[in-house]
């Protein structure tokens, strides 16, 4: 997750949310995993889209997946 934070300027929680999306979790599942509300996850995802300069969650997942593959 450090790579995501450095590359895109995500906060720790935004990086965790992004990884949850890549793992195929729903917003509700991410919220439960992180102990936050569904609306908080939605707010983080909007911020993530802006920071990563993507318009769709599909684009975001592909971008994050690529960044994580480089990390390995």
C-alpha atoms as a PDB file:
ATOM      1  CA  UNK A   1       0.000   0.000   0.000  1.00  0.00           C
ATOM      2  CA  UNK A   2       2.962   2.272   0.475  1.00  0.00           C
ATOM      3  CA  UNK A   3       3.422   2.240  -3.299  1.00  0.00           C
ATOM      4  CA  UNK A   4      -0.166   3.455  -3.815  1.00  0.00           C
ATOM      5  CA  UNK A   5       0.308   6.201  -1.274  1.00  0.00           C
ATOM      6  CA  UNK A   6       3.515   7.374  -2.922  1.00  0.00           C
ATOM      7  CA  UNK A   7       2.353   7.049  -6.524  1.00  0.00           C
ATOM      8  CA  UNK A   8      -1.113   8.574  -6.216  1.00  0.00           C
ATOM      9  CA  UNK A   9      -0.956  10.531  -2.977  1.00  0.00           C
ATOM     10  CA  UNK A  10      -3.611   8.346  -1.342  1.00  0.00           C
ATOM     11  CA  UNK A  11      -4.098   8.463   2.385  1.00  0.00           C
ATOM     12  CA  UNK A  12      -3.647   5.184   4.281  1.00  0.00           C
ATOM     13  CA  UNK A  13      -7.408   4.629   4.310  1.00  0.00           C
ATOM     14  CA  UNK A  14      -7.789   5.497   0.622  1.00  0.00           C
ATOM     15  CA  UNK A  15      -5.111   2.913  -0.189  1.00  0.00           C
ATOM     16  CA  UNK A  16      -6.970   0.322   1.897  1.00  0.00           C
ATOM     17  CA  UNK A  17     -10.214   1.127   0.086  1.00  0.00           C
ATOM     18  CA  UNK A  18      -8.492   0.867  -3.297  1.00  0.00           C
ATOM     19  CA  UNK A  19      -7.040  -2.530  -2.391  1.00  0.00           C
ATOM     20  CA  UNK A  20     -10.496  -3.651  -1.268  1.00  0.00           C
ATOM     21  CA  UNK A  21     -11.878  -2.754  -4.697  1.00  0.00           C
ATOM     22  CA  UNK A  22      -9.104  -4.723  -6.401  1.00  0.00           C
ATOM     23  CA  UNK A  23      -9.936  -7.674  -4.138  1.00  0.00           C
ATOM     24  CA  UNK A  24     -13.500  -7.524  -5.463  1.00  0.00           C
ATOM     25  CA  UNK A  25     -15.108  -6.309  -2.259  1.00  0.00           C
ATOM     26  CA  UNK A  26     -18.305  -4.266  -2.363  1.00  0.00           C
ATOM     27  CA  UNK A  27     -18.521  -0.833  -0.763  1.00  0.00           C
ATOM     28  CA  UNK A  28     -20.434  -2.422   2.137  1.00  0.00           C
ATOM     29  CA  UNK A  29     -17.786  -5.124   2.585  1.00  0.00           C
ATOM     30  CA  UNK A  30     -14.991  -2.548   2.540  1.00  0.00           C
ATOM     31  CA  UNK A  31     -16.889  -0.463   5.093  1.00  0.00           C
ATOM     32  CA  UNK A  32     -17.297  -3.450   7.389  1.00  0.00           C
ATOM     33  CA  UNK A  33     -13.641  -4.459   7.000  1.00  0.00           C
ATOM     34  CA  UNK A  34     -12.443  -0.938   7.850  1.00  0.00           C
ATOM     35  CA  UNK A  35     -15.052  -0.238  10.529  1.00  0.00           C
ATOM     36  CA  UNK A  36     -16.490   2.799   8.751  1.00  0.00           C
ATOM     37  CA  UNK A  37     -19.812   3.620   7.110  1.00  0.00           C
ATOM     38  CA  UNK A  38     -20.792   2.889   3.522  1.00  0.00           C
ATOM     39  CA  UNK A  39     -20.942   6.653   2.924  1.00  0.00           C
ATOM     40  CA  UNK A  40     -17.396   7.111   4.204  1.00  0.00           C
ATOM     41  CA  UNK A  41     -16.184   4.483   1.731  1.00  0.00           C
ATOM     42  CA  UNK A  42     -18.059   6.277  -1.053  1.00  0.00           C
ATOM     43  CA  UNK A  43     -16.397   9.560  -0.080  1.00  0.00           C
ATOM     44  CA  UNK A  44     -12.960   7.906  -0.120  1.00  0.00           C
ATOM     45  CA  UNK A  45     -13.661   6.433  -3.553  1.00  0.00           C
ATOM     46  CA  UNK A  46     -14.565   9.857  -4.952  1.00  0.00           C
ATOM     47  CA  UNK A  47     -11.265  11.225  -3.594  1.00  0.00           C
ATOM     48  CA  UNK A  48      -9.382   8.248  -5.033  1.00  0.00           C
ATOM     49  CA  UNK A  49     -10.907   8.842  -8.484  1.00  0.00           C
ATOM     50  CA  UNK A  50      -9.776  12.453  -8.363  1.00  0.00           C
ATOM     51  CA  UNK A  51      -6.238  11.684  -7.176  1.00  0.00           C
ATOM     52  CA  UNK A  52      -5.791   8.876  -9.710  1.00  0.00           C
ATOM     53  CA  UNK A  53      -7.356  10.951 -12.530  1.00  0.00           C
ATOM     54  CA  UNK A  54      -9.826   8.243 -13.515  1.00  0.00           C
ATOM     55  CA  UNK A  55     -13.518   8.473 -14.326  1.00  0.00           C
ATOM     56  CA  UNK A  56     -14.682   4.935 -13.565  1.00  0.00           C
ATOM     57  CA  UNK A  57     -14.084   2.351 -10.894  1.00  0.00           C
ATOM     58  CA  UNK A  58     -13.019  -0.095 -13.608  1.00  0.00           C
ATOM     59  CA  UNK A  59     -10.233   2.267 -14.667  1.00  0.00           C
ATOM     60  CA  UNK A  60      -9.248   2.693 -11.042  1.00  0.00           C
ATOM     61  CA  UNK A  61      -9.076  -1.056 -10.422  1.00  0.00           C
ATOM     62  CA  UNK A  62      -6.900  -1.565 -13.518  1.00  0.00           C
ATOM     63  CA  UNK A  63      -4.585   1.272 -12.485  1.00  0.00           C
ATOM     64  CA  UNK A  64      -4.249   0.073  -8.890  1.00  0.00           C
ATOM     65  CA  UNK A  65      -3.788  -3.541  -9.984  1.00  0.00           C
ATOM     66  CA  UNK A  66      -0.969  -2.397 -12.280  1.00  0.00           C
ATOM     67  CA  UNK A  67       0.680  -0.416  -9.492  1.00  0.00           C
ATOM     68  CA  UNK A  68       0.478  -3.383  -7.134  1.00  0.00           C
ATOM     69  CA  UNK A  69       1.941  -5.751  -9.763  1.00  0.00           C
ATOM     70  CA  UNK A  70       4.932  -3.446 -10.149  1.00  0.00           C
ATOM     71  CA  UNK A  71       5.392  -3.547  -6.380  1.00  0.00           C
ATOM     72  CA  UNK A  72       5.807  -7.348  -6.220  1.00  0.00           C
END
